[in-house]
Amino acid sequence: MRRNEIRRTRDERVPHDQPCFFVAGFVAFVTLYDVQPLFPIFTHEFGVSAAVSSLALSVSTGSLAISMLLVGTLSETLGRKPVMVLALILTSTLALLTALTRSFLSLLGVRLIQGIVLAGLPAVAMAYLGEEMAPASLTAAMGLYIAGNAVGGMTGRIFTVSMIDIFPWRTVMGIIGAACVLLSLYFLAKLPSSRNFRARPFDLRALFGSLLQQLRNPALLCLYAIAFLAMGGFVTTYNYITFRLLGAPYSLSPAVVGWIFVVYLFGSFSSALAGRMAGRYGRKRVMLVSLTAMIIGAALTLMAWIAGIVAGVVLLTGGFYGTHSVASGWVPARAAAARGQASAIYLFSYYLGSSVCGTAGGLFWSRFGWAGVVAFIAALVSIGFLVLHMLSHLSLPSAAGASRKA
């Protein structure tokens, strides 16, 4: 009788009727990307180069990438909900503290810590959803989380550039931080506690042993490289397109330039479309088309016509999200074991590409202008083509059904 009760408890699933994970994704991406439109302001106020100004984002994505490898394992001991709640409250509080920084170095310090604490959400959210959501609600809950990511990233950027024409940038950061604290408290109040989670002792040796196992898989290494390269090209575009449009001959206002981030909506569409097309035509073909769209989109931004530049950014954005959608779904299919950890390493590579390439692109901007940035993006995507070619050959020995879909 007692054994049956335990089994029923483990089989319970929480119905998902609250937008908790939309809020979580929204807060995470608002606080992560709200500084991206401010790079030109940082170069003027702090007297730093474009590449150095991008560190305000790169230090966060870099520390986030590294921390995610550890935080997912910590949640096995501390619990899913406590880690996620703590991540959101701390990152929101640190967003408030950003408003109090008076030097670029102190700003970077806050942003570095922000990336570390924020890792608790993306590293744990998928595990919580898989354990706690009712099967009928899982897809909807996952969709809300991803939608919150996209809307949060877009809103943080657009709100920031829209408000800096009215308020100082520190005031805008304070408003965002205060709003995110309130949303984090909502998440704390409304998210059901874990019912199916079972704590495990923290085992650092097992963690590193499992990591090495994933890194010995050549197919996974290719997918991690594609995540690094594609995200690097994508973030580089958005980091420096604002510098181009703010300068001559366009001389647009920051508020007008900020609306270019609306094209993120095309990314959401292309992500869903790529997922469907991969099931019909195979992952390799869809990723090939997506990478091609990225490189053509980058080339279009070389046009002097603003409408052509926007069209190029739209195409590049759609291509990136298509690539990311296919690659992230390919990882668990190629992982022999510990699929959650394989996905965590994918996200590590993804954010590392944002951090490293997003700053490196600034060197090309400073030395060669926008043409140099486009050349850098094209180089990253071209390497991505080579890696995809290698991956397609690695996929050939798979089972017949899997091979046809590769």
Protein backbone atom coordinates (compact mmCIF):
# COMPACT_ATOMS: atom_id res chain seq x y z
CA MET A 1 0.00 0.00 0.00
CA ARG A 2 2.76 2.41 0.95
CA ARG A 3 4.71 1.61 -2.23
CA ASN A 4 1.63 2.39 -4.36
CA GLU A 5 1.20 5.74 -2.59
CA ILE A 6 4.82 6.65 -3.35
CA ARG A 7 4.35 5.63 -6.98
CA ARG A 8 1.21 7.80 -7.28
CA THR A 9 3.06 10.75 -5.74
CA ARG A 10 5.86 10.39 -8.28
CA ASP A 11 3.38 10.20 -11.14
CA GLU A 12 1.56 13.41 -10.17
CA ARG A 13 1.90 16.23 -12.62
CA VAL A 14 1.09 19.88 -12.10
CA PRO A 15 -1.43 21.34 -14.53
CA HIS A 16 0.00 24.44 -16.17
CA ASP A 17 -2.66 27.13 -16.02
CA GLN A 18 -0.51 30.09 -14.95
CA PRO A 19 1.88 32.10 -17.19
CA CYS A 20 4.72 31.52 -14.72
CA PHE A 21 7.27 30.46 -17.27
CA PHE A 22 6.42 33.27 -19.65
CA VAL A 23 7.23 35.63 -16.78
CA ALA A 24 10.44 33.74 -15.98
CA GLY A 25 11.67 33.84 -19.57
CA PHE A 26 10.66 37.48 -19.87
CA VAL A 27 12.58 38.56 -16.76
CA ALA A 28 15.67 36.57 -17.71
CA PHE A 29 15.99 38.03 -21.20
CA VAL A 30 14.97 41.58 -20.27
CA THR A 31 17.71 41.79 -17.66
CA LEU A 32 20.27 40.06 -19.91
CA TYR A 33 19.83 42.11 -23.07
CA ASP A 34 18.58 45.51 -21.88
CA VAL A 35 22.11 46.99 -22.15
CA GLN A 36 22.67 46.04 -25.81
CA PRO A 37 21.18 49.25 -27.29
CA LEU A 38 23.26 51.33 -24.85
CA PHE A 39 26.68 50.50 -26.31
CA PRO A 40 26.95 53.82 -28.24
CA ILE A 41 26.07 55.69 -25.03
CA PHE A 42 28.73 53.77 -23.10
CA THR A 43 31.37 54.67 -25.70
CA HIS A 44 30.52 58.36 -25.28
CA GLU A 45 30.06 58.49 -21.50
CA PHE A 46 32.93 56.21 -20.44
CA GLY A 47 35.30 56.93 -23.33
CA VAL A 48 35.67 53.30 -24.41
CA SER A 49 35.75 51.70 -27.86
CA ALA A 50 32.80 49.90 -29.46
CA ALA A 51 34.42 46.52 -28.74
CA VAL A 52 34.96 47.39 -25.07
CA SER A 53 31.41 48.74 -24.71
CA SER A 54 30.08 45.35 -25.86
CA LEU A 55 31.64 43.78 -22.75
CA ALA A 56 28.58 45.02 -20.86
CA LEU A 57 26.75 42.15 -22.55
CA SER A 58 29.64 39.77 -23.18
CA VAL A 59 30.69 39.45 -19.53
CA SER A 60 27.11 38.46 -18.66
CA THR A 61 26.71 35.89 -21.41
CA GLY A 62 30.21 34.51 -20.71
CA SER A 63 29.65 34.05 -16.97
CA LEU A 64 26.16 32.69 -17.71
CA ALA A 65 27.64 30.10 -20.08
CA ILE A 66 30.20 28.84 -17.57
CA SER A 67 27.82 28.87 -14.59
CA MET A 68 25.15 26.82 -16.37
CA LEU A 69 27.46 23.80 -16.43
CA LEU A 70 27.44 23.74 -12.62
CA VAL A 71 24.05 25.15 -11.63
CA GLY A 72 22.05 22.37 -13.28
CA THR A 73 23.89 19.84 -11.10
CA LEU A 74 23.41 22.01 -7.99
CA SER A 75 19.66 22.00 -8.59
CA GLU A 76 19.72 18.21 -8.21
CA THR A 77 20.63 18.85 -4.56
CA LEU A 78 18.99 22.19 -3.73
CA GLY A 79 15.74 21.72 -5.68
CA ARG A 80 14.38 23.21 -8.91
CA LYS A 81 12.07 25.96 -7.67
CA PRO A 82 14.45 27.49 -5.08
CA VAL A 83 17.24 27.77 -7.67
CA MET A 84 14.99 29.38 -10.29
CA VAL A 85 13.37 31.82 -7.86
CA LEU A 86 16.73 32.85 -6.43
CA ALA A 87 18.09 33.37 -9.95
CA LEU A 88 15.26 35.70 -10.95
CA ILE A 89 15.20 37.73 -7.74
CA LEU A 90 18.97 38.22 -7.72
CA THR A 91 19.23 39.17 -11.39
CA SER A 92 16.38 41.67 -10.94
CA THR A 93 18.06 43.16 -7.86
CA LEU A 94 21.33 43.45 -9.74
CA ALA A 95 19.51 45.21 -12.58
CA LEU A 96 18.47 47.77 -9.97
CA LEU A 97 22.08 48.08 -8.80
CA THR A 98 23.12 48.81 -12.39
CA ALA A 99 21.43 52.18 -11.97
CA LEU A 100 23.87 53.02 -9.15
CA THR A 101 27.09 52.28 -11.04
CA ARG A 102 29.32 55.27 -11.69
CA SER A 103 32.16 53.72 -13.70
CA PHE A 104 32.34 51.28 -16.58
CA LEU A 105 34.36 48.87 -14.42
CA SER A 106 31.66 48.79 -11.72
CA LEU A 107 29.04 48.28 -14.43
CA LEU A 108 30.98 45.27 -15.74
CA GLY A 109 31.27 43.88 -12.22
CA VAL A 110 27.51 43.97 -11.71
CA ARG A 111 26.90 42.47 -15.14
CA LEU A 112 29.40 39.67 -14.47
CA ILE A 113 27.61 38.65 -11.28
CA GLN A 114 24.28 38.99 -13.04
CA GLY A 115 25.27 36.36 -15.59
CA ILE A 116 26.37 33.98 -12.83
CA VAL A 117 23.13 34.18 -10.86
CA LEU A 118 20.92 34.18 -13.96
CA ALA A 119 22.28 30.76 -14.96
CA GLY A 120 19.88 29.21 -12.45
CA LEU A 121 16.92 29.72 -14.78
CA PRO A 122 17.91 28.29 -18.20
CA ALA A 123 19.90 25.50 -16.57
CA VAL A 124 16.91 24.31 -14.52
CA ALA A 125 13.71 25.37 -16.31
CA MET A 126 13.64 22.48 -18.78
CA ALA A 127 14.21 19.93 -16.03
CA TYR A 128 11.36 21.37 -13.92
CA LEU A 129 8.97 21.38 -16.87
CA GLY A 130 9.78 17.79 -17.75
CA GLU A 131 9.29 16.62 -14.16
CA GLU A 132 6.27 18.64 -13.10
CA MET A 133 4.05 19.49 -16.05
CA ALA A 134 1.14 17.30 -17.05
CA PRO A 135 1.80 15.73 -20.48
CA ALA A 136 -1.10 17.64 -22.00
CA SER A 137 0.33 20.92 -20.66
CA LEU A 138 4.03 20.38 -21.36
CA THR A 139 4.07 21.73 -24.90
CA ALA A 140 2.07 24.80 -23.91
CA ALA A 141 4.31 25.45 -20.91
CA MET A 142 7.46 25.11 -23.03
CA GLY A 143 5.94 27.43 -25.61
CA LEU A 144 5.21 30.05 -22.95
CA TYR A 145 8.78 29.89 -21.69
CA ILE A 146 10.30 30.30 -25.15
CA ALA A 147 7.82 33.06 -25.97
CA GLY A 148 8.83 34.83 -22.76
CA ASN A 149 12.47 34.62 -23.85
CA ALA A 150 11.73 36.20 -27.23
CA VAL A 151 9.36 38.88 -25.96
CA GLY A 152 11.62 39.69 -23.01
CA GLY A 153 14.69 40.11 -25.19
CA MET A 154 12.82 42.29 -27.64
CA THR A 155 11.04 44.34 -24.97
CA GLY A 156 14.22 45.00 -23.00
CA ARG A 157 15.93 46.42 -26.06
CA ILE A 158 12.99 48.45 -27.38
CA PHE A 159 11.95 49.81 -23.99
CA THR A 160 15.51 50.88 -23.25
CA VAL A 161 16.02 52.84 -26.47
CA SER A 162 12.52 54.32 -26.34
CA MET A 163 12.98 55.66 -22.83
CA ILE A 164 16.52 57.06 -23.06
CA ASP A 165 15.19 59.97 -25.09
CA ILE A 166 13.19 60.88 -21.96
CA PHE A 167 15.25 59.64 -18.99
CA PRO A 168 18.95 59.02 -18.28
CA TRP A 169 19.98 55.44 -19.00
CA ARG A 170 20.51 54.69 -15.30
CA THR A 171 16.90 55.66 -14.56
CA VAL A 172 15.73 53.33 -17.32
CA MET A 173 17.78 50.47 -15.84
CA GLY A 174 16.22 51.19 -12.44
CA ILE A 175 12.70 51.03 -13.88
CA ILE A 176 13.45 47.71 -15.57
CA GLY A 177 14.99 46.30 -12.38
CA ALA A 178 12.04 47.35 -10.20
CA ALA A 179 9.52 45.86 -12.63
CA CYS A 180 11.49 42.61 -12.80
CA VAL A 181 11.63 42.33 -8.99
CA LEU A 182 7.82 42.47 -8.91
CA LEU A 183 7.55 39.89 -11.69
CA SER A 184 10.00 37.62 -9.86
CA LEU A 185 7.85 37.79 -6.73
CA TYR A 186 4.85 36.83 -8.88
CA PHE A 187 6.84 33.82 -10.13
CA LEU A 188 7.65 32.86 -6.53
CA ALA A 189 3.99 33.07 -5.49
CA LYS A 190 2.44 31.31 -8.45
CA LEU A 191 4.88 28.57 -9.45
CA PRO A 192 3.85 25.25 -7.84
CA SER A 193 6.49 23.60 -5.69
CA SER A 194 8.12 20.45 -7.03
CA ARG A 195 6.21 17.25 -6.41
CA ASN A 196 8.27 14.80 -8.43
CA PHE A 197 11.75 16.09 -7.63
CA ARG A 198 14.02 13.79 -5.62
CA ALA A 199 17.16 15.38 -4.18
CA ARG A 200 20.50 13.76 -4.93
CA PRO A 201 23.89 14.31 -3.29
CA PHE A 202 26.18 16.71 -5.12
CA ASP A 203 28.83 14.65 -6.95
CA LEU A 204 31.47 16.78 -8.67
CA ARG A 205 33.39 13.74 -9.93
CA ALA A 206 30.31 12.36 -11.69
CA LEU A 207 29.64 15.79 -13.20
CA PHE A 208 33.06 16.04 -14.86
CA GLY A 209 33.02 12.41 -15.90
CA SER A 210 29.72 12.93 -17.68
CA LEU A 211 30.97 16.15 -19.28
CA LEU A 212 33.97 14.33 -20.74
CA GLN A 213 31.68 11.67 -22.13
CA GLN A 214 29.68 14.29 -24.03
CA LEU A 215 32.84 15.94 -25.36
CA ARG A 216 34.04 12.65 -26.82
CA ASN A 217 31.02 12.56 -29.15
CA PRO A 218 32.11 14.04 -32.53
CA ALA A 219 28.54 14.78 -33.64
CA LEU A 220 27.83 16.74 -30.48
CA LEU A 221 31.08 18.67 -30.88
CA CYS A 222 29.91 19.73 -34.36
CA LEU A 223 26.56 20.90 -33.01
CA TYR A 224 28.28 22.82 -30.21
CA ALA A 225 30.51 24.50 -32.80
CA ILE A 226 27.49 25.47 -34.91
CA ALA A 227 25.82 27.00 -31.83
CA PHE A 228 28.97 29.03 -31.09
CA LEU A 229 29.36 30.24 -34.68
CA ALA A 230 25.72 31.03 -35.44
CA MET A 231 25.10 32.83 -32.16
CA GLY A 232 28.38 34.70 -32.57
CA GLY A 233 27.33 36.03 -35.97
CA PHE A 234 23.83 36.89 -34.77
CA VAL A 235 24.87 38.84 -31.69
CA THR A 236 27.64 40.63 -33.59
CA THR A 237 25.01 41.94 -36.01
CA TYR A 238 22.86 43.44 -33.29
CA ASN A 239 25.80 44.71 -31.24
CA TYR A 240 27.08 46.98 -34.02
CA ILE A 241 24.18 47.69 -36.39
CA THR A 242 23.15 50.44 -33.98
CA PHE A 243 26.55 52.13 -34.36
CA ARG A 244 26.12 52.12 -38.13
CA LEU A 245 22.60 53.58 -38.14
CA LEU A 246 23.37 56.21 -35.50
CA GLY A 247 26.29 57.53 -37.56
CA ALA A 248 26.49 59.28 -40.92
CA PRO A 249 24.88 59.23 -43.40
CA TYR A 250 21.81 57.97 -41.52
CA SER A 251 22.16 59.80 -38.17
CA LEU A 252 19.00 58.19 -36.81
CA SER A 253 17.92 58.75 -33.22
CA PRO A 254 18.46 55.93 -30.69
CA ALA A 255 14.70 55.47 -30.33
CA VAL A 256 14.25 54.95 -34.07
CA VAL A 257 17.22 52.59 -34.32
CA GLY A 258 15.91 50.58 -31.40
CA TRP A 259 12.81 49.55 -33.30
CA ILE A 260 14.96 47.34 -35.50
CA PHE A 261 14.75 44.81 -32.67
CA VAL A 262 11.12 44.20 -33.65
CA VAL A 263 12.47 41.84 -36.30
CA TYR A 264 12.96 39.34 -33.47
CA LEU A 265 9.34 38.43 -34.17
CA PHE A 266 10.47 36.96 -37.50
CA GLY A 267 12.86 34.80 -35.52
CA SER A 268 10.01 33.25 -33.56
CA PHE A 269 8.21 32.44 -36.81
CA SER A 270 11.28 30.94 -38.50
CA SER A 271 12.11 28.86 -35.43
CA ALA A 272 8.71 27.15 -35.51
CA LEU A 273 8.84 26.76 -39.30
CA ALA A 274 12.33 25.24 -39.25
CA GLY A 275 11.23 22.69 -36.66
CA ARG A 276 8.38 21.54 -38.89
CA MET A 277 10.48 21.53 -42.06
CA ALA A 278 13.25 19.50 -40.37
CA GLY A 279 10.78 16.69 -39.76
CA ARG A 280 9.75 16.73 -43.41
CA TYR A 281 12.98 17.41 -45.31
CA GLY A 282 15.69 16.49 -42.81
CA ARG A 283 17.76 18.49 -40.38
CA LYS A 284 20.77 18.93 -42.64
CA ARG A 285 18.81 20.51 -45.50
CA VAL A 286 16.93 22.90 -43.25
CA MET A 287 20.11 23.97 -41.45
CA LEU A 288 21.83 24.47 -44.81
CA VAL A 289 19.03 26.79 -45.91
CA SER A 290 19.11 28.62 -42.56
CA LEU A 291 22.87 29.22 -42.68
CA THR A 292 22.53 30.40 -46.29
CA ALA A 293 19.86 32.87 -45.18
CA MET A 294 22.26 34.20 -42.54
CA ILE A 295 25.07 34.85 -44.98
CA ILE A 296 22.78 36.43 -47.61
CA GLY A 297 21.16 38.58 -44.92
CA ALA A 298 24.57 39.77 -43.73
CA ALA A 299 25.49 40.71 -47.33
CA LEU A 300 22.25 42.68 -47.77
CA THR A 301 23.13 44.90 -44.80
CA LEU A 302 25.99 46.31 -46.91
CA MET A 303 23.38 48.20 -48.95
CA ALA A 304 23.19 51.96 -48.45
CA TRP A 305 19.38 51.85 -48.56
CA ILE A 306 17.85 51.57 -45.05
CA ALA A 307 15.05 49.30 -46.24
CA GLY A 308 17.68 46.94 -47.67
CA ILE A 309 19.59 46.96 -44.37
CA VAL A 310 16.43 46.09 -42.45
CA ALA A 311 15.60 43.33 -44.95
CA GLY A 312 19.08 41.91 -44.44
CA VAL A 313 18.70 41.92 -40.65
CA VAL A 314 15.31 40.21 -40.99
CA LEU A 315 16.76 37.48 -43.20
CA LEU A 316 19.78 36.97 -40.96
CA THR A 317 17.54 36.80 -37.87
CA GLY A 318 15.25 34.23 -39.48
CA GLY A 319 18.25 32.19 -40.58
CA PHE A 320 19.79 32.24 -37.13
CA TYR A 321 16.63 31.13 -35.35
CA GLY A 322 16.12 28.38 -37.91
CA THR A 323 19.67 27.16 -37.32
CA HIS A 324 19.27 27.31 -33.55
CA SER A 325 15.92 25.52 -33.61
CA VAL A 326 17.29 22.60 -35.65
CA ALA A 327 20.65 22.35 -33.86
CA SER A 328 19.17 22.43 -30.34
CA GLY A 329 16.70 19.70 -31.26
CA TRP A 330 19.46 17.63 -32.88
CA VAL A 331 21.54 17.52 -29.68
CA PRO A 332 19.38 15.10 -27.64
CA ALA A 333 18.98 12.92 -30.74
CA ARG A 334 22.77 12.54 -31.03
CA ALA A 335 23.50 12.20 -27.29
CA ALA A 336 24.07 8.62 -26.19
CA ALA A 337 23.23 9.41 -22.54
CA ALA A 338 22.67 12.33 -20.15
CA ARG A 339 20.70 14.27 -22.76
CA GLY A 340 19.98 17.10 -20.33
CA GLN A 341 23.67 17.67 -19.79
CA ALA A 342 24.33 17.49 -23.54
CA SER A 343 21.79 20.27 -24.00
CA ALA A 344 23.43 22.26 -21.20
CA ILE A 345 26.77 22.12 -23.02
CA TYR A 346 24.99 23.26 -26.18
CA LEU A 347 23.70 26.32 -24.30
CA PHE A 348 27.21 26.88 -22.91
CA SER A 349 28.57 27.00 -26.47
CA TYR A 350 25.67 29.19 -27.56
CA TYR A 351 26.29 31.87 -24.93
CA LEU A 352 30.05 31.56 -25.23
CA GLY A 353 29.70 32.42 -28.92
CA SER A 354 27.70 35.48 -27.93
CA SER A 355 30.37 36.56 -25.47
CA VAL A 356 33.52 35.93 -27.52
CA CYS A 357 32.34 36.80 -31.03
CA GLY A 358 30.10 39.64 -29.87
CA THR A 359 33.15 41.46 -28.53
CA ALA A 360 35.57 40.35 -31.26
CA GLY A 361 33.23 41.83 -33.87
CA GLY A 362 33.87 45.24 -32.35
CA LEU A 363 37.52 45.04 -33.39
CA PHE A 364 36.41 44.63 -36.99
CA TRP A 365 34.00 47.57 -36.62
CA SER A 366 36.70 49.84 -35.22
CA ARG A 367 39.24 48.93 -37.90
CA PHE A 368 37.20 48.26 -41.04
CA GLY A 369 33.72 49.66 -40.38
CA TRP A 370 30.53 47.80 -41.23
CA ALA A 371 32.14 45.96 -44.16
CA GLY A 372 34.59 44.44 -41.68
CA VAL A 373 31.74 43.34 -39.41
CA VAL A 374 29.96 41.66 -42.35
CA ALA A 375 33.19 39.92 -43.36
CA PHE A 376 33.56 38.61 -39.79
CA ILE A 377 29.97 37.32 -39.76
CA ALA A 378 30.44 35.72 -43.17
CA ALA A 379 33.59 33.98 -41.94
CA LEU A 380 31.75 32.55 -38.92
CA VAL A 381 28.86 31.27 -41.03
CA SER A 382 31.25 29.84 -43.64
CA ILE A 383 32.96 27.80 -40.93
CA GLY A 384 29.47 26.72 -39.92
CA PHE A 385 28.94 25.28 -43.43
CA LEU A 386 32.14 23.25 -43.08
CA VAL A 387 31.11 21.93 -39.67
CA LEU A 388 27.65 20.99 -41.02
CA HIS A 389 29.36 19.06 -43.84
CA MET A 390 31.40 17.15 -41.25
CA LEU A 391 28.29 16.50 -39.18
CA SER A 392 26.38 15.09 -42.16
CA HIS A 393 29.10 12.48 -42.66
CA LEU A 394 29.06 11.62 -38.97
CA SER A 395 25.29 11.08 -39.21
CA LEU A 396 25.57 8.48 -41.95
CA PRO A 397 26.26 5.48 -39.66
CA SER A 398 23.06 6.17 -37.67
CA ALA A 399 20.09 3.89 -37.79
CA ALA A 400 18.23 3.99 -41.08
CA GLY A 401 15.34 6.06 -39.80
CA ALA A 402 17.56 8.55 -38.03
CA SER A 403 19.82 8.80 -41.07
CA ARG A 404 16.96 9.69 -43.36
CA LYS A 405 15.99 12.55 -41.05
CA ALA A 406 19.57 13.79 -40.72
